[in-house]
All heavy atoms as atom14 arrays in JSON, in Angstrom:
{
  "sequence": "DILYESKPHIGTDILIDVVRNMRNEIIKLGGDVRFNTQVTDLRIEN",
  "atom14_mask": [
    [1, 1, 1, 1, 1, 1, 1, 1, 0, 0, 0, 0, 0, 0],
    [1, 1, 1, 1, 1, 1, 1, 1, 0, 0, 0, 0, 0, 0],
    [1, 1, 1, 1, 1, 1, 1, 1, 0, 0, 0, 0, 0, 0],
    [1, 1, 1, 1, 1, 1, 1, 1, 1, 1, 1, 1, 0, 0],
    [1, 1, 1, 1, 1, 1, 1, 1, 1, 0, 0, 0, 0, 0],
    [1, 1, 1, 1, 1, 1, 0, 0, 0, 0, 0, 0, 0, 0],
    [1, 1, 1, 1, 1, 1, 1, 1, 1, 0, 0, 0, 0, 0],
    [1, 1, 1, 1, 1, 1, 1, 0, 0, 0, 0, 0, 0, 0],
    [1, 1, 1, 1, 1, 1, 1, 1, 1, 1, 0, 0, 0, 0],
    [1, 1, 1, 1, 1, 1, 1, 1, 0, 0, 0, 0, 0, 0],
    [1, 1, 1, 1, 0, 0, 0, 0, 0, 0, 0, 0, 0, 0],
    [1, 1, 1, 1, 1, 1, 1, 0, 0, 0, 0, 0, 0, 0],
    [1, 1, 1, 1, 1, 1, 1, 1, 0, 0, 0, 0, 0, 0],
    [1, 1, 1, 1, 1, 1, 1, 1, 0, 0, 0, 0, 0, 0],
    [1, 1, 1, 1, 1, 1, 1, 1, 0, 0, 0, 0, 0, 0],
    [1, 1, 1, 1, 1, 1, 1, 1, 0, 0, 0, 0, 0, 0],
    [1, 1, 1, 1, 1, 1, 1, 1, 0, 0, 0, 0, 0, 0],
    [1, 1, 1, 1, 1, 1, 1, 0, 0, 0, 0, 0, 0, 0],
    [1, 1, 1, 1, 1, 1, 1, 0, 0, 0, 0, 0, 0, 0],
    [1, 1, 1, 1, 1, 1, 1, 1, 1, 1, 1, 0, 0, 0],
    [1, 1, 1, 1, 1, 1, 1, 1, 0, 0, 0, 0, 0, 0],
    [1, 1, 1, 1, 1, 1, 1, 1, 0, 0, 0, 0, 0, 0],
    [1, 1, 1, 1, 1, 1, 1, 1, 1, 1, 1, 0, 0, 0],
    [1, 1, 1, 1, 1, 1, 1, 1, 0, 0, 0, 0, 0, 0],
    [1, 1, 1, 1, 1, 1, 1, 1, 1, 0, 0, 0, 0, 0],
    [1, 1, 1, 1, 1, 1, 1, 1, 0, 0, 0, 0, 0, 0],
    [1, 1, 1, 1, 1, 1, 1, 1, 0, 0, 0, 0, 0, 0],
    [1, 1, 1, 1, 1, 1, 1, 1, 1, 0, 0, 0, 0, 0],
    [1, 1, 1, 1, 1, 1, 1, 1, 0, 0, 0, 0, 0, 0],
    [1, 1, 1, 1, 0, 0, 0, 0, 0, 0, 0, 0, 0, 0],
    [1, 1, 1, 1, 0, 0, 0, 0, 0, 0, 0, 0, 0, 0],
    [1, 1, 1, 1, 1, 1, 1, 1, 0, 0, 0, 0, 0, 0],
    [1, 1, 1, 1, 1, 1, 1, 0, 0, 0, 0, 0, 0, 0],
    [1, 1, 1, 1, 1, 1, 1, 1, 1, 1, 1, 0, 0, 0],
    [1, 1, 1, 1, 1, 1, 1, 1, 1, 1, 1, 0, 0, 0],
    [1, 1, 1, 1, 1, 1, 1, 1, 0, 0, 0, 0, 0, 0],
    [1, 1, 1, 1, 1, 1, 1, 0, 0, 0, 0, 0, 0, 0],
    [1, 1, 1, 1, 1, 1, 1, 1, 1, 0, 0, 0, 0, 0],
    [1, 1, 1, 1, 1, 1, 1, 0, 0, 0, 0, 0, 0, 0],
    [1, 1, 1, 1, 1, 1, 1, 0, 0, 0, 0, 0, 0, 0],
    [1, 1, 1, 1, 1, 1, 1, 1, 0, 0, 0, 0, 0, 0],
    [1, 1, 1, 1, 1, 1, 1, 1, 0, 0, 0, 0, 0, 0],
    [1, 1, 1, 1, 1, 1, 1, 1, 1, 1, 1, 0, 0, 0],
    [1, 1, 1, 1, 1, 1, 1, 1, 0, 0, 0, 0, 0, 0],
    [1, 1, 1, 1, 1, 1, 1, 1, 1, 0, 0, 0, 0, 0],
    [1, 1, 1, 1, 1, 1, 1, 1, 0, 0, 0, 0, 0, 0]
  ],
  "atom14_positions": [
    [[1.57, 1.78, 3.58], [0.82, 2.18, 4.77], [-0.7, 2.08, 4.56], [-1.46, 2.02, 5.53], [1.21, 3.58, 5.25], [0.99, 4.68, 4.24], [0.5, 4.4, 3.12], [1.32, 5.84, 4.56], [0.0, 0.0, 0.0], [0.0, 0.0, 0.0], [0.0, 0.0, 0.0], [0.0, 0.0, 0.0], [0.0, 0.0, 0.0], [0.0, 0.0, 0.0]],
    [[-1.14, 2.01, 3.3], [-2.58, 1.85, 3.07], [-3.07, 0.48, 3.55], [-4.27, 0.28, 3.72], [-2.98, 2.07, 1.59], [-2.39, 1.0, 0.67], [-2.61, 3.48, 1.13], [-2.91, 1.04, -0.75], [0.0, 0.0, 0.0], [0.0, 0.0, 0.0], [0.0, 0.0, 0.0], [0.0, 0.0, 0.0], [0.0, 0.0, 0.0], [0.0, 0.0, 0.0]],
    [[-2.15, -0.44, 3.79], [-2.53, -1.77, 4.25], [-2.88, -1.81, 5.74], [-3.51, -2.75, 6.2], [-1.41, -2.78, 3.97], [-1.05, -2.99, 2.51], [0.16, -3.89, 2.38], [-2.24, -3.55, 1.75], [0.0, 0.0, 0.0], [0.0, 0.0, 0.0], [0.0, 0.0, 0.0], [0.0, 0.0, 0.0], [0.0, 0.0, 0.0], [0.0, 0.0, 0.0]],
    [[-2.47, -0.79, 6.5], [-2.74, -0.82, 7.94], [-3.37, 0.45, 8.48], [-3.86, 0.45, 9.61], [-1.47, -1.17, 8.72], [-0.29, -0.26, 8.47], [-0.18, 0.95, 9.12], [0.72, -0.65, 7.6], [0.91, 1.79, 8.89], [1.81, 0.16, 7.38], [1.9, 1.39, 8.02], [2.98, 2.2, 7.79], [0.0, 0.0, 0.0], [0.0, 0.0, 0.0]],
    [[-3.4, 1.55, 7.74], [-4.03, 2.76, 8.24], [-5.55, 2.6, 8.28], [-6.14, 1.94, 7.42], [-3.66, 3.96, 7.36], [-2.24, 4.41, 7.54], [-1.93, 5.7, 6.78], [-2.74, 6.1, 5.94], [-0.87, 6.27, 7.05], [0.0, 0.0, 0.0], [0.0, 0.0, 0.0], [0.0, 0.0, 0.0], [0.0, 0.0, 0.0], [0.0, 0.0, 0.0]],
    [[-6.18, 3.23, 9.28], [-7.63, 3.12, 9.4], [-8.35, 3.92, 8.32], [-9.46, 3.57, 7.93], [-8.09, 3.58, 10.79], [-7.78, 4.94, 10.98], [0.0, 0.0, 0.0], [0.0, 0.0, 0.0], [0.0, 0.0, 0.0], [0.0, 0.0, 0.0], [0.0, 0.0, 0.0], [0.0, 0.0, 0.0], [0.0, 0.0, 0.0], [0.0, 0.0, 0.0]],
    [[-7.73, 4.98, 7.85], [-8.3, 5.78, 6.76], [-7.26, 5.89, 5.66], [-6.59, 6.91, 5.52], [-8.73, 7.16, 7.26], [-9.89, 7.1, 8.22], [-10.35, 8.48, 8.63], [-11.51, 8.35, 9.6], [-11.99, 9.67, 10.03], [0.0, 0.0, 0.0], [0.0, 0.0, 0.0], [0.0, 0.0, 0.0], [0.0, 0.0, 0.0], [0.0, 0.0, 0.0]],
    [[-7.09, 4.81, 4.87], [-6.04, 4.81, 3.85], [-6.23, 5.9, 2.81], [-7.36, 6.27, 2.48], [-6.14, 3.41, 3.23], [-7.49, 2.93, 3.56], [-7.9, 3.6, 4.83], [0.0, 0.0, 0.0], [0.0, 0.0, 0.0], [0.0, 0.0, 0.0], [0.0, 0.0, 0.0], [0.0, 0.0, 0.0], [0.0, 0.0, 0.0], [0.0, 0.0, 0.0]],
    [[-5.12, 6.39, 2.31], [-5.13, 7.51, 1.38], [-3.93, 7.35, 0.45], [-2.81, 7.16, 0.92], [-5.03, 8.8, 2.2], [-4.94, 10.03, 1.38], [-3.75, 10.65, 1.13], [-5.89, 10.75, 0.76], [-3.97, 11.73, 0.38], [-5.25, 11.81, 0.14], [0.0, 0.0, 0.0], [0.0, 0.0, 0.0], [0.0, 0.0, 0.0], [0.0, 0.0, 0.0]],
    [[-4.18, 7.41, -0.85], [-3.08, 7.29, -1.81], [-2.63, 8.66, -2.28], [-1.46, 8.95, -2.35], [-3.49, 6.43, -3.03], [-3.69, 4.98, -2.61], [-2.43, 6.51, -4.12], [-4.08, 4.06, -3.74], [0.0, 0.0, 0.0], [0.0, 0.0, 0.0], [0.0, 0.0, 0.0], [0.0, 0.0, 0.0], [0.0, 0.0, 0.0], [0.0, 0.0, 0.0]],
    [[-3.56, 9.51, -2.63], [-3.23, 10.81, -3.22], [-3.29, 10.72, -4.73], [-2.86, 9.72, -5.32], [0.0, 0.0, 0.0], [0.0, 0.0, 0.0], [0.0, 0.0, 0.0], [0.0, 0.0, 0.0], [0.0, 0.0, 0.0], [0.0, 0.0, 0.0], [0.0, 0.0, 0.0], [0.0, 0.0, 0.0], [0.0, 0.0, 0.0], [0.0, 0.0, 0.0]],
    [[-3.85, 11.73, -5.36], [-4.04, 11.72, -6.81], [-2.72, 11.52, -7.55], [-2.65, 10.77, -8.53], [-4.72, 13.02, -7.28], [-6.03, 13.07, -6.69], [-4.84, 13.09, -8.78], [0.0, 0.0, 0.0], [0.0, 0.0, 0.0], [0.0, 0.0, 0.0], [0.0, 0.0, 0.0], [0.0, 0.0, 0.0], [0.0, 0.0, 0.0], [0.0, 0.0, 0.0]],
    [[-1.64, 12.17, -7.08], [-0.36, 12.07, -7.78], [0.14, 10.63, -7.86], [0.58, 10.18, -8.92], [0.68, 12.98, -7.12], [0.83, 12.73, -5.61], [-0.11, 12.19, -4.99], [1.89, 13.07, -5.06], [0.0, 0.0, 0.0], [0.0, 0.0, 0.0], [0.0, 0.0, 0.0], [0.0, 0.0, 0.0], [0.0, 0.0, 0.0], [0.0, 0.0, 0.0]],
    [[0.02, 9.89, -6.78], [0.46, 8.49, -6.78], [-0.56, 7.6, -7.48], [-0.2, 6.67, -8.21], [0.74, 8.0, -5.34], [1.93, 8.78, -4.77], [1.01, 6.5, -5.31], [2.2, 8.55, -3.32], [0.0, 0.0, 0.0], [0.0, 0.0, 0.0], [0.0, 0.0, 0.0], [0.0, 0.0, 0.0], [0.0, 0.0, 0.0], [0.0, 0.0, 0.0]],
    [[-1.85, 7.9, -7.28], [-2.9, 7.1, -7.91], [-2.77, 7.1, -9.43], [-3.0, 6.08, -10.09], [-4.28, 7.6, -7.48], [-5.47, 6.76, -7.92], [-5.35, 5.33, -7.41], [-6.77, 7.38, -7.45], [0.0, 0.0, 0.0], [0.0, 0.0, 0.0], [0.0, 0.0, 0.0], [0.0, 0.0, 0.0], [0.0, 0.0, 0.0], [0.0, 0.0, 0.0]],
    [[-2.37, 8.22, -9.99], [-2.16, 8.3, -11.44], [-1.11, 7.27, -11.88], [-1.29, 6.57, -12.88], [-1.78, 9.73, -11.85], [-3.04, 10.62, -11.77], [-1.16, 9.78, -13.25], [-2.77, 12.1, -11.94], [0.0, 0.0, 0.0], [0.0, 0.0, 0.0], [0.0, 0.0, 0.0], [0.0, 0.0, 0.0], [0.0, 0.0, 0.0], [0.0, 0.0, 0.0]],
    [[-0.02, 7.16, -11.13], [1.02, 6.17, -11.45], [0.5, 4.75, -11.28], [0.78, 3.88, -12.1], [2.25, 6.37, -10.56], [2.99, 7.66, -10.86], [2.87, 8.17, -11.99], [3.7, 8.15, -9.96], [0.0, 0.0, 0.0], [0.0, 0.0, 0.0], [0.0, 0.0, 0.0], [0.0, 0.0, 0.0], [0.0, 0.0, 0.0], [0.0, 0.0, 0.0]],
    [[-0.27, 4.5, -10.22], [-0.81, 3.17, -9.95], [-1.73, 2.74, -11.1], [-1.62, 1.63, -11.62], [-1.56, 3.15, -8.6], [-2.36, 1.86, -8.43], [-0.59, 3.33, -7.44], [0.0, 0.0, 0.0], [0.0, 0.0, 0.0], [0.0, 0.0, 0.0], [0.0, 0.0, 0.0], [0.0, 0.0, 0.0], [0.0, 0.0, 0.0], [0.0, 0.0, 0.0]],
    [[-2.61, 3.63, -11.52], [-3.54, 3.33, -12.62], [-2.77, 3.05, -13.91], [-3.06, 2.08, -14.63], [-4.56, 4.49, -12.8], [-5.34, 4.35, -14.09], [-5.51, 4.55, -11.6], [0.0, 0.0, 0.0], [0.0, 0.0, 0.0], [0.0, 0.0, 0.0], [0.0, 0.0, 0.0], [0.0, 0.0, 0.0], [0.0, 0.0, 0.0], [0.0, 0.0, 0.0]],
    [[-1.79, 3.88, -14.21], [-0.98, 3.67, -15.42], [-0.24, 2.32, -15.36], [-0.2, 1.58, -16.33], [0.02, 4.81, -15.6], [0.89, 4.65, -16.87], [1.87, 5.79, -17.09], [2.65, 6.1, -15.91], [2.58, 7.26, -15.24], [1.79, 8.22, -15.65], [3.33, 7.47, -14.17], [0.0, 0.0, 0.0], [0.0, 0.0, 0.0], [0.0, 0.0, 0.0]],
    [[0.3, 1.99, -14.19], [1.01, 0.72, -14.03], [0.06, -0.47, -14.2], [0.44, -1.49, -14.8], [1.71, 0.66, -12.67], [2.85, 1.65, -12.57], [3.38, 2.14, -13.58], [3.24, 1.99, -11.35], [0.0, 0.0, 0.0], [0.0, 0.0, 0.0], [0.0, 0.0, 0.0], [0.0, 0.0, 0.0], [0.0, 0.0, 0.0], [0.0, 0.0, 0.0]],
    [[-1.15, -0.35, -13.69], [-2.14, -1.43, -13.87], [-2.48, -1.59, -15.35], [-2.56, -2.71, -15.86], [-3.4, -1.17, -13.06], [-3.21, -1.4, -11.57], [-4.74, -1.24, -10.64], [-5.58, -2.77, -11.11], [0.0, 0.0, 0.0], [0.0, 0.0, 0.0], [0.0, 0.0, 0.0], [0.0, 0.0, 0.0], [0.0, 0.0, 0.0], [0.0, 0.0, 0.0]],
    [[-2.67, -0.47, -16.05], [-2.95, -0.52, -17.49], [-1.83, -1.24, -18.23], [-2.07, -2.11, -19.06], [-3.11, 0.89, -18.05], [-3.29, 0.88, -19.57], [-2.85, 2.14, -20.29], [-2.97, 3.36, -19.56], [-2.05, 4.31, -19.58], [-0.92, 4.18, -20.28], [-2.22, 5.44, -18.9], [0.0, 0.0, 0.0], [0.0, 0.0, 0.0], [0.0, 0.0, 0.0]],
    [[-0.6, -0.87, -17.91], [0.54, -1.49, -18.59], [0.61, -2.99, -18.33], [0.98, -3.76, -19.22], [1.84, -0.8, -18.18], [1.93, 0.61, -18.76], [1.3, 0.93, -19.76], [2.71, 1.45, -18.12], [0.0, 0.0, 0.0], [0.0, 0.0, 0.0], [0.0, 0.0, 0.0], [0.0, 0.0, 0.0], [0.0, 0.0, 0.0], [0.0, 0.0, 0.0]],
    [[0.23, -3.42, -17.13], [0.23, -4.85, -16.81], [-0.88, -5.57, -17.58], [-0.68, -6.68, -18.07], [0.06, -5.07, -15.3], [0.14, -6.51, -14.88], [1.51, -7.15, -15.05], [2.5, -6.45, -15.34], [1.59, -8.39, -14.87], [0.0, 0.0, 0.0], [0.0, 0.0, 0.0], [0.0, 0.0, 0.0], [0.0, 0.0, 0.0], [0.0, 0.0, 0.0]],
    [[-2.04, -4.95, -17.7], [-3.14, -5.54, -18.49], [-2.67, -5.76, -19.93], [-2.88, -6.83, -20.5], [-4.39, -4.64, -18.44], [-5.01, -4.66, -17.04], [-5.42, -5.06, -19.5], [-6.01, -3.55, -16.79], [0.0, 0.0, 0.0], [0.0, 0.0, 0.0], [0.0, 0.0, 0.0], [0.0, 0.0, 0.0], [0.0, 0.0, 0.0], [0.0, 0.0, 0.0]],
    [[-2.0, -4.78, -20.48], [-1.49, -4.89, -21.86], [-0.42, -5.97, -21.94], [-0.43, -6.8, -22.85], [-0.96, -3.52, -22.34], [-2.13, -2.53, -22.48], [-0.2, -3.66, -23.66], [-1.7, -1.08, -22.64], [0.0, 0.0, 0.0], [0.0, 0.0, 0.0], [0.0, 0.0, 0.0], [0.0, 0.0, 0.0], [0.0, 0.0, 0.0], [0.0, 0.0, 0.0]],
    [[0.5, -5.98, -20.98], [1.57, -7.0, -20.95], [0.99, -8.41, -20.91], [1.54, -9.34, -21.5], [2.46, -6.75, -19.72], [3.58, -7.74, -19.54], [4.36, -7.41, -18.27], [5.22, -8.58, -17.86], [5.79, -8.4, -16.53], [0.0, 0.0, 0.0], [0.0, 0.0, 0.0], [0.0, 0.0, 0.0], [0.0, 0.0, 0.0], [0.0, 0.0, 0.0]],
    [[-0.16, -8.57, -20.23], [-0.8, -9.88, -20.09], [-1.7, -10.23, -21.28], [-2.39, -11.23, -21.24], [-1.6, -9.93, -18.78], [-0.78, -9.89, -17.49], [-1.68, -9.7, -16.28], [0.07, -11.14, -17.35], [0.0, 0.0, 0.0], [0.0, 0.0, 0.0], [0.0, 0.0, 0.0], [0.0, 0.0, 0.0], [0.0, 0.0, 0.0], [0.0, 0.0, 0.0]],
    [[-1.69, -9.4, -22.32], [-2.46, -9.71, -23.52], [-3.74, -8.93, -23.7], [-4.46, -9.13, -24.68], [0.0, 0.0, 0.0], [0.0, 0.0, 0.0], [0.0, 0.0, 0.0], [0.0, 0.0, 0.0], [0.0, 0.0, 0.0], [0.0, 0.0, 0.0], [0.0, 0.0, 0.0], [0.0, 0.0, 0.0], [0.0, 0.0, 0.0], [0.0, 0.0, 0.0]],
    [[-4.05, -8.05, -22.77], [-5.24, -7.22, -22.89], [-5.01, -6.06, -23.84], [-3.89, -5.77, -24.25], [0.0, 0.0, 0.0], [0.0, 0.0, 0.0], [0.0, 0.0, 0.0], [0.0, 0.0, 0.0], [0.0, 0.0, 0.0], [0.0, 0.0, 0.0], [0.0, 0.0, 0.0], [0.0, 0.0, 0.0], [0.0, 0.0, 0.0], [0.0, 0.0, 0.0]],
    [[-6.09, -5.39, -24.17], [-6.06, -4.24, -25.06], [-6.83, -3.12, -24.38], [-7.93, -3.35, -23.87], [-6.73, -4.62, -26.4], [-6.64, -3.55, -27.46], [-5.86, -2.6, -27.3], [-7.37, -3.67, -28.45], [0.0, 0.0, 0.0], [0.0, 0.0, 0.0], [0.0, 0.0, 0.0], [0.0, 0.0, 0.0], [0.0, 0.0, 0.0], [0.0, 0.0, 0.0]],
    [[-6.25, -1.93, -24.3], [-6.9, -0.79, -23.67], [-7.08, 0.29, -24.72], [-6.1, 0.71, -25.33], [-6.08, -0.27, -22.46], [-6.81, 0.9, -21.8], [-5.81, -1.38, -21.46], [0.0, 0.0, 0.0], [0.0, 0.0, 0.0], [0.0, 0.0, 0.0], [0.0, 0.0, 0.0], [0.0, 0.0, 0.0], [0.0, 0.0, 0.0], [0.0, 0.0, 0.0]],
    [[-8.32, 0.7, -24.93], [-8.62, 1.7, -25.97], [-9.28, 2.93, -25.35], [-10.35, 2.82, -24.74], [-9.56, 1.1, -27.02], [-8.98, -0.13, -27.69], [-9.94, -0.73, -28.69], [-9.46, -2.02, -29.14], [-10.12, -2.81, -29.97], [-11.29, -2.43, -30.45], [-9.61, -3.98, -30.32], [0.0, 0.0, 0.0], [0.0, 0.0, 0.0], [0.0, 0.0, 0.0]],
    [[-8.63, 4.06, -25.53], [-9.15, 5.33, -25.02], [-9.9, 6.06, -26.13], [-9.82, 5.69, -27.3], [-8.01, 6.18, -24.47], [-7.31, 5.52, -23.32], [-6.06, 4.95, -23.47], [-7.93, 5.43, -22.09], [-5.44, 4.31, -22.42], [-7.31, 4.79, -21.02], [-6.06, 4.24, -21.19], [0.0, 0.0, 0.0], [0.0, 0.0, 0.0], [0.0, 0.0, 0.0]],
    [[-10.62, 7.12, -25.73], [-11.43, 7.88, -26.67], [-12.34, 6.94, -27.46], [-12.56, 7.12, -28.65], [-10.54, 8.71, -27.61], [-9.66, 9.67, -26.84], [-10.15, 10.48, -26.06], [-8.36, 9.53, -27.0], [0.0, 0.0, 0.0], [0.0, 0.0, 0.0], [0.0, 0.0, 0.0], [0.0, 0.0, 0.0], [0.0, 0.0, 0.0], [0.0, 0.0, 0.0]],
    [[-12.86, 5.93, -26.77], [-13.67, 4.89, -27.39], [-14.95, 4.73, -26.59], [-14.99, 4.06, -25.56], [-12.89, 3.56, -27.45], [-11.64, 3.79, -28.1], [-13.66, 2.51, -28.21], [0.0, 0.0, 0.0], [0.0, 0.0, 0.0], [0.0, 0.0, 0.0], [0.0, 0.0, 0.0], [0.0, 0.0, 0.0], [0.0, 0.0, 0.0], [0.0, 0.0, 0.0]],
    [[-16.0, 5.37, -27.07], [-17.3, 5.35, -26.39], [-18.22, 4.33, -27.05], [-18.36, 4.31, -28.28], [-17.94, 6.73, -26.45], [-19.26, 6.81, -25.71], [-19.87, 8.19, -25.74], [-19.42, 9.07, -26.48], [-20.87, 8.4, -24.93], [0.0, 0.0, 0.0], [0.0, 0.0, 0.0], [0.0, 0.0, 0.0], [0.0, 0.0, 0.0], [0.0, 0.0, 0.0]],
    [[-18.84, 3.49, -26.23], [-19.83, 2.55, -26.75], [-21.09, 3.35, -27.09], [-21.63, 4.05, -26.24], [-20.13, 1.42, -25.74], [-21.27, 0.54, -26.23], [-18.88, 0.6, -25.51], [0.0, 0.0, 0.0], [0.0, 0.0, 0.0], [0.0, 0.0, 0.0], [0.0, 0.0, 0.0], [0.0, 0.0, 0.0], [0.0, 0.0, 0.0], [0.0, 0.0, 0.0]],
    [[-21.52, 3.24, -28.35], [-22.66, 4.03, -28.82], [-23.86, 3.18, -29.19], [-24.94, 3.73, -29.44], [-22.23, 4.92, -30.01], [-21.54, 4.12, -30.97], [-21.31, 6.04, -29.54], [0.0, 0.0, 0.0], [0.0, 0.0, 0.0], [0.0, 0.0, 0.0], [0.0, 0.0, 0.0], [0.0, 0.0, 0.0], [0.0, 0.0, 0.0], [0.0, 0.0, 0.0]],
    [[-23.71, 1.86, -29.24], [-24.85, 0.99, -29.53], [-24.47, -0.45, -29.2], [-23.29, -0.78, -29.06], [-25.25, 1.09, -31.01], [-26.69, 0.66, -31.27], [-27.38, 0.21, -30.32], [-27.13, 0.77, -32.42], [0.0, 0.0, 0.0], [0.0, 0.0, 0.0], [0.0, 0.0, 0.0], [0.0, 0.0, 0.0], [0.0, 0.0, 0.0], [0.0, 0.0, 0.0]],
    [[-25.49, -1.28, -29.05], [-25.31, -2.71, -28.81], [-26.04, -3.47, -29.91], [-27.11, -3.05, -30.34], [-25.94, -3.13, -27.48], [-25.5, -2.47, -26.2], [-26.41, -2.91, -25.07], [-24.07, -2.84, -25.87], [0.0, 0.0, 0.0], [0.0, 0.0, 0.0], [0.0, 0.0, 0.0], [0.0, 0.0, 0.0], [0.0, 0.0, 0.0], [0.0, 0.0, 0.0]],
    [[-25.49, -4.58, -30.32], [-26.22, -5.48, -31.22], [-26.63, -6.69, -30.39], [-25.79, -7.35, -29.78], [-25.36, -5.92, -32.4], [-26.12, -6.82, -33.39], [-25.29, -7.17, -34.61], [-24.98, -5.97, -35.37], [-23.79, -5.73, -35.94], [-22.81, -6.62, -35.84], [-23.58, -4.63, -36.62], [0.0, 0.0, 0.0], [0.0, 0.0, 0.0], [0.0, 0.0, 0.0]],
    [[-27.93, -6.98, -30.38], [-28.48, -8.1, -29.64], [-29.02, -9.12, -30.64], [-29.8, -8.75, -31.53], [-29.62, -7.66, -28.69], [-29.2, -6.48, -27.81], [-30.15, -8.82, -27.88], [-28.16, -6.79, -26.78], [0.0, 0.0, 0.0], [0.0, 0.0, 0.0], [0.0, 0.0, 0.0], [0.0, 0.0, 0.0], [0.0, 0.0, 0.0], [0.0, 0.0, 0.0]],
    [[-28.6, -10.35, -30.52], [-29.1, -11.43, -31.37], [-29.51, -12.59, -30.49], [-28.73, -13.02, -29.63], [-28.02, -11.87, -32.37], [-27.65, -10.78, -33.38], [-26.51, -11.19, -34.3], [-26.03, -12.33, -34.21], [-26.1, -10.34, -35.12], [0.0, 0.0, 0.0], [0.0, 0.0, 0.0], [0.0, 0.0, 0.0], [0.0, 0.0, 0.0], [0.0, 0.0, 0.0]],
    [[-30.7, -13.09, -30.68], [-31.22, -14.21, -29.88], [-31.13, -13.92, -28.38], [-30.79, -14.8, -27.59], [-30.5, -15.51, -30.22], [-30.63, -15.87, -31.69], [-31.72, -15.73, -32.26], [-29.56, -16.32, -32.29], [0.0, 0.0, 0.0], [0.0, 0.0, 0.0], [0.0, 0.0, 0.0], [0.0, 0.0, 0.0], [0.0, 0.0, 0.0], [0.0, 0.0, 0.0]]
  ]
}
């Protein structure tokens, strides 16, 4: 129904599942997802 409602709404409970499913697909496709991983510096060369 989010495809046709004027004010689409998923709800946190369902959104949690959607986000987890997207993560699992990224991993299935060869991606890597790392949590508790904060970028603390950048190395710049040239």
